Amino acid sequence: MQRMLFVAAVAVVAVPVASVHVTSAAVKPQSARSAALLEKVSVAASEFKFVLSKKTARRGVVVFKVKNVGKIKHDFQIKGRKTKLLAPGQSETLRVTFLSKGSYPYKCTVPGHAAAGMKGVFKIT
């Protein structure tokens, strides 16, 4: 008789555990929210300008896909991160995390290029 009580107690404990497992689908909205914190921006570098697919993004990770579409070498620098010097036709991806809202200047660091117009401001909202 004592054995039957123990088995019944175990069965009662197992029921809440199973119901907790069923509610794990509620985690999906959080994953979707995390994905929304990733922004992609295409950057075309040429003489002597940058053309960005968008100039604003939300806080989080921004992936800059930088391609040199010009005829001479360029790079792209923002928030202390920089691509390598890109020859014509080359591209590089730069991942930058922005935790705070604000304006972040970007530029080409090749001497004279920023002064010639290869600079701008990227805004985080």
C-alpha atoms as a PDB file:
ATOM      1  CA  MET A   1       0.000   0.000   0.000  1.00  0.00           C
ATOM      2  CA  GLN A   2       2.845   2.406   0.763  1.00  0.00           C
ATOM      3  CA  ARG A   3       4.266   1.695  -2.682  1.00  0.00           C
ATOM      4  CA  MET A   4       1.085   2.830  -4.393  1.00  0.00           C
ATOM      5  CA  LEU A   5       1.143   6.156  -2.549  1.00  0.00           C
ATOM      6  CA  PHE A   6       4.709   6.800  -3.628  1.00  0.00           C
ATOM      7  CA  VAL A   7       3.896   6.074  -7.297  1.00  0.00           C
ATOM      8  CA  ALA A   8       0.872   8.357  -7.114  1.00  0.00           C
ATOM      9  CA  ALA A   9       3.014  11.163  -5.671  1.00  0.00           C
ATOM     10  CA  VAL A  10       5.545  10.803  -8.485  1.00  0.00           C
ATOM     11  CA  ALA A  11       2.771  10.949 -11.095  1.00  0.00           C
ATOM     12  CA  VAL A  12       1.444  14.182  -9.596  1.00  0.00           C
ATOM     13  CA  VAL A  13       4.907  15.764  -9.693  1.00  0.00           C
ATOM     14  CA  ALA A  14       5.430  14.728 -13.332  1.00  0.00           C
ATOM     15  CA  VAL A  15       2.298  16.500 -14.566  1.00  0.00           C
ATOM     16  CA  PRO A  16       3.495  20.069 -13.795  1.00  0.00           C
ATOM     17  CA  VAL A  17       6.890  19.331 -15.342  1.00  0.00           C
ATOM     18  CA  ALA A  18       5.220  18.242 -18.585  1.00  0.00           C
ATOM     19  CA  SER A  19       3.090  21.388 -18.678  1.00  0.00           C
ATOM     20  CA  VAL A  20       6.173  23.587 -18.217  1.00  0.00           C
ATOM     21  CA  HIS A  21       7.814  21.847 -21.163  1.00  0.00           C
ATOM     22  CA  VAL A  22       4.807  22.525 -23.375  1.00  0.00           C
ATOM     23  CA  THR A  23       5.008  26.299 -22.736  1.00  0.00           C
ATOM     24  CA  SER A  24       8.585  26.540 -24.044  1.00  0.00           C
ATOM     25  CA  ALA A  25       7.144  27.761 -27.379  1.00  0.00           C
ATOM     26  CA  ALA A  26       6.696  31.133 -25.664  1.00  0.00           C
ATOM     27  CA  VAL A  27      10.463  31.687 -26.071  1.00  0.00           C
ATOM     28  CA  LYS A  28      10.154  32.281 -29.856  1.00  0.00           C
ATOM     29  CA  PRO A  29       9.028  35.929 -29.633  1.00  0.00           C
ATOM     30  CA  GLN A  30      12.218  36.734 -27.750  1.00  0.00           C
ATOM     31  CA  SER A  31      14.292  35.199 -30.568  1.00  0.00           C
ATOM     32  CA  ALA A  32      12.416  37.308 -33.112  1.00  0.00           C
ATOM     33  CA  ARG A  33      13.093  40.380 -30.997  1.00  0.00           C
ATOM     34  CA  SER A  34      16.828  39.620 -30.941  1.00  0.00           C
ATOM     35  CA  ALA A  35      16.872  39.306 -34.728  1.00  0.00           C
ATOM     36  CA  ALA A  36      15.354  42.790 -34.984  1.00  0.00           C
ATOM     37  CA  LEU A  37      18.480  44.201 -33.305  1.00  0.00           C
ATOM     38  CA  LEU A  38      20.593  43.353 -36.375  1.00  0.00           C
ATOM     39  CA  GLU A  39      20.686  45.908 -39.195  1.00  0.00           C
ATOM     40  CA  LYS A  40      22.440  45.535 -42.551  1.00  0.00           C
ATOM     41  CA  VAL A  41      23.826  48.524 -44.422  1.00  0.00           C
ATOM     42  CA  SER A  42      25.451  48.436 -47.866  1.00  0.00           C
ATOM     43  CA  VAL A  43      28.252  50.958 -48.361  1.00  0.00           C
ATOM     44  CA  ALA A  44      29.572  51.842 -51.832  1.00  0.00           C
ATOM     45  CA  ALA A  45      32.902  53.676 -51.779  1.00  0.00           C
ATOM     46  CA  SER A  46      34.081  55.690 -54.787  1.00  0.00           C
ATOM     47  CA  GLU A  47      35.858  58.928 -55.635  1.00  0.00           C
ATOM     48  CA  PHE A  48      35.200  60.806 -53.339  1.00  0.00           C
ATOM     49  CA  LYS A  49      32.038  59.747 -51.602  1.00  0.00           C
ATOM     50  CA  PHE A  50      30.244  56.995 -49.731  1.00  0.00           C
ATOM     51  CA  VAL A  51      26.726  55.918 -50.646  1.00  0.00           C
ATOM     52  CA  LEU A  52      24.980  54.082 -47.785  1.00  0.00           C
ATOM     53  CA  SER A  53      21.777  52.076 -48.296  1.00  0.00           C
ATOM     54  CA  LYS A  54      20.510  53.695 -45.072  1.00  0.00           C
ATOM     55  CA  LYS A  55      21.922  56.353 -42.778  1.00  0.00           C
ATOM     56  CA  THR A  56      20.051  55.416 -39.596  1.00  0.00           C
ATOM     57  CA  ALA A  57      19.548  52.240 -37.590  1.00  0.00           C
ATOM     58  CA  ARG A  58      18.269  51.113 -34.219  1.00  0.00           C
ATOM     59  CA  ARG A  59      20.568  50.256 -31.334  1.00  0.00           C
ATOM     60  CA  GLY A  60      22.251  46.884 -31.679  1.00  0.00           C
ATOM     61  CA  VAL A  61      24.581  45.297 -34.209  1.00  0.00           C
ATOM     62  CA  VAL A  62      24.964  46.969 -37.583  1.00  0.00           C
ATOM     63  CA  VAL A  63      26.640  44.978 -40.353  1.00  0.00           C
ATOM     64  CA  PHE A  64      28.275  47.281 -42.893  1.00  0.00           C
ATOM     65  CA  LYS A  65      28.941  45.555 -46.232  1.00  0.00           C
ATOM     66  CA  VAL A  66      31.543  47.879 -47.764  1.00  0.00           C
ATOM     67  CA  LYS A  67      32.424  47.609 -51.454  1.00  0.00           C
ATOM     68  CA  ASN A  68      34.919  49.737 -53.342  1.00  0.00           C
ATOM     69  CA  VAL A  69      33.156  50.633 -56.596  1.00  0.00           C
ATOM     70  CA  GLY A  70      35.758  53.299 -57.433  1.00  0.00           C
ATOM     71  CA  LYS A  71      39.062  53.263 -59.310  1.00  0.00           C
ATOM     72  CA  ILE A  72      41.484  53.797 -56.405  1.00  0.00           C
ATOM     73  CA  LYS A  73      41.893  52.252 -52.928  1.00  0.00           C
ATOM     74  CA  HIS A  74      39.545  53.242 -50.077  1.00  0.00           C
ATOM     75  CA  ASP A  75      38.642  52.091 -46.559  1.00  0.00           C
ATOM     76  CA  PHE A  76      35.720  52.732 -44.204  1.00  0.00           C
ATOM     77  CA  GLN A  77      36.032  53.688 -40.522  1.00  0.00           C
ATOM     78  CA  ILE A  78      33.249  54.088 -37.946  1.00  0.00           C
ATOM     79  CA  LYS A  79      33.257  53.946 -34.131  1.00  0.00           C
ATOM     80  CA  GLY A  80      36.923  52.959 -33.971  1.00  0.00           C
ATOM     81  CA  ARG A  81      36.451  49.993 -36.354  1.00  0.00           C
ATOM     82  CA  LYS A  82      37.939  50.023 -39.836  1.00  0.00           C
ATOM     83  CA  THR A  83      38.036  47.853 -42.944  1.00  0.00           C
ATOM     84  CA  LYS A  84      41.311  47.006 -44.606  1.00  0.00           C
ATOM     85  CA  LEU A  85      42.376  49.152 -47.548  1.00  0.00           C
ATOM     86  CA  LEU A  86      40.093  47.928 -50.349  1.00  0.00           C
ATOM     87  CA  ALA A  87      41.319  47.814 -53.937  1.00  0.00           C
ATOM     88  CA  PRO A  88      38.771  48.515 -56.699  1.00  0.00           C
ATOM     89  CA  GLY A  89      36.146  45.734 -56.744  1.00  0.00           C
ATOM     90  CA  GLN A  90      37.019  44.408 -53.276  1.00  0.00           C
ATOM     91  CA  SER A  91      34.570  44.267 -50.386  1.00  0.00           C
ATOM     92  CA  GLU A  92      34.634  43.586 -46.660  1.00  0.00           C
ATOM     93  CA  THR A  93      32.037  43.183 -43.943  1.00  0.00           C
ATOM     94  CA  LEU A  94      32.344  45.208 -40.743  1.00  0.00           C
ATOM     95  CA  ARG A  95      30.195  44.384 -37.673  1.00  0.00           C
ATOM     96  CA  VAL A  96      29.773  47.247 -35.224  1.00  0.00           C
ATOM     97  CA  THR A  97      27.749  47.221 -31.993  1.00  0.00           C
ATOM     98  CA  PHE A  98      25.983  50.457 -31.098  1.00  0.00           C
ATOM     99  CA  LEU A  99      24.630  50.461 -27.537  1.00  0.00           C
ATOM    100  CA  SER A 100      23.760  54.154 -27.320  1.00  0.00           C
ATOM    101  CA  LYS A 101      21.628  56.474 -29.421  1.00  0.00           C
ATOM    102  CA  GLY A 102      23.537  59.222 -31.145  1.00  0.00           C
ATOM    103  CA  SER A 103      25.472  60.375 -34.197  1.00  0.00           C
ATOM    104  CA  TYR A 104      28.544  58.423 -35.267  1.00  0.00           C
ATOM    105  CA  PRO A 105      30.915  59.925 -37.849  1.00  0.00           C
ATOM    106  CA  TYR A 106      32.365  57.696 -40.573  1.00  0.00           C
ATOM    107  CA  LYS A 107      35.171  58.402 -43.044  1.00  0.00           C
ATOM    108  CA  CYS A 108      37.822  57.076 -45.388  1.00  0.00           C
ATOM    109  CA  THR A 109      41.196  57.244 -43.637  1.00  0.00           C
ATOM    110  CA  VAL A 110      43.291  57.480 -46.812  1.00  0.00           C
ATOM    111  CA  PRO A 111      45.056  60.870 -46.559  1.00  0.00           C
ATOM    112  CA  GLY A 112      42.982  63.606 -48.204  1.00  0.00           C
ATOM    113  CA  HIS A 113      39.923  61.433 -48.956  1.00  0.00           C
ATOM    114  CA  ALA A 114      37.760  62.593 -46.018  1.00  0.00           C
ATOM    115  CA  ALA A 115      38.617  66.219 -46.828  1.00  0.00           C
ATOM    116  CA  ALA A 116      37.532  65.558 -50.431  1.00  0.00           C
ATOM    117  CA  GLY A 117      34.101  64.350 -49.250  1.00  0.00           C
ATOM    118  CA  MET A 118      34.479  60.742 -48.089  1.00  0.00           C
ATOM    119  CA  LYS A 119      32.855  61.280 -44.715  1.00  0.00           C
ATOM    120  CA  GLY A 120      29.446  61.469 -43.119  1.00  0.00           C
ATOM    121  CA  VAL A 121      27.367  60.776 -40.033  1.00  0.00           C
ATOM    122  CA  PHE A 122      25.466  57.573 -39.215  1.00  0.00           C
ATOM    123  CA  LYS A 123      22.635  57.952 -36.679  1.00  0.00           C
ATOM    124  CA  ILE A 124      21.491  55.400 -34.103  1.00  0.00           C
ATOM    125  CA  THR A 125      17.921  55.863 -32.886  1.00  0.00           C
END
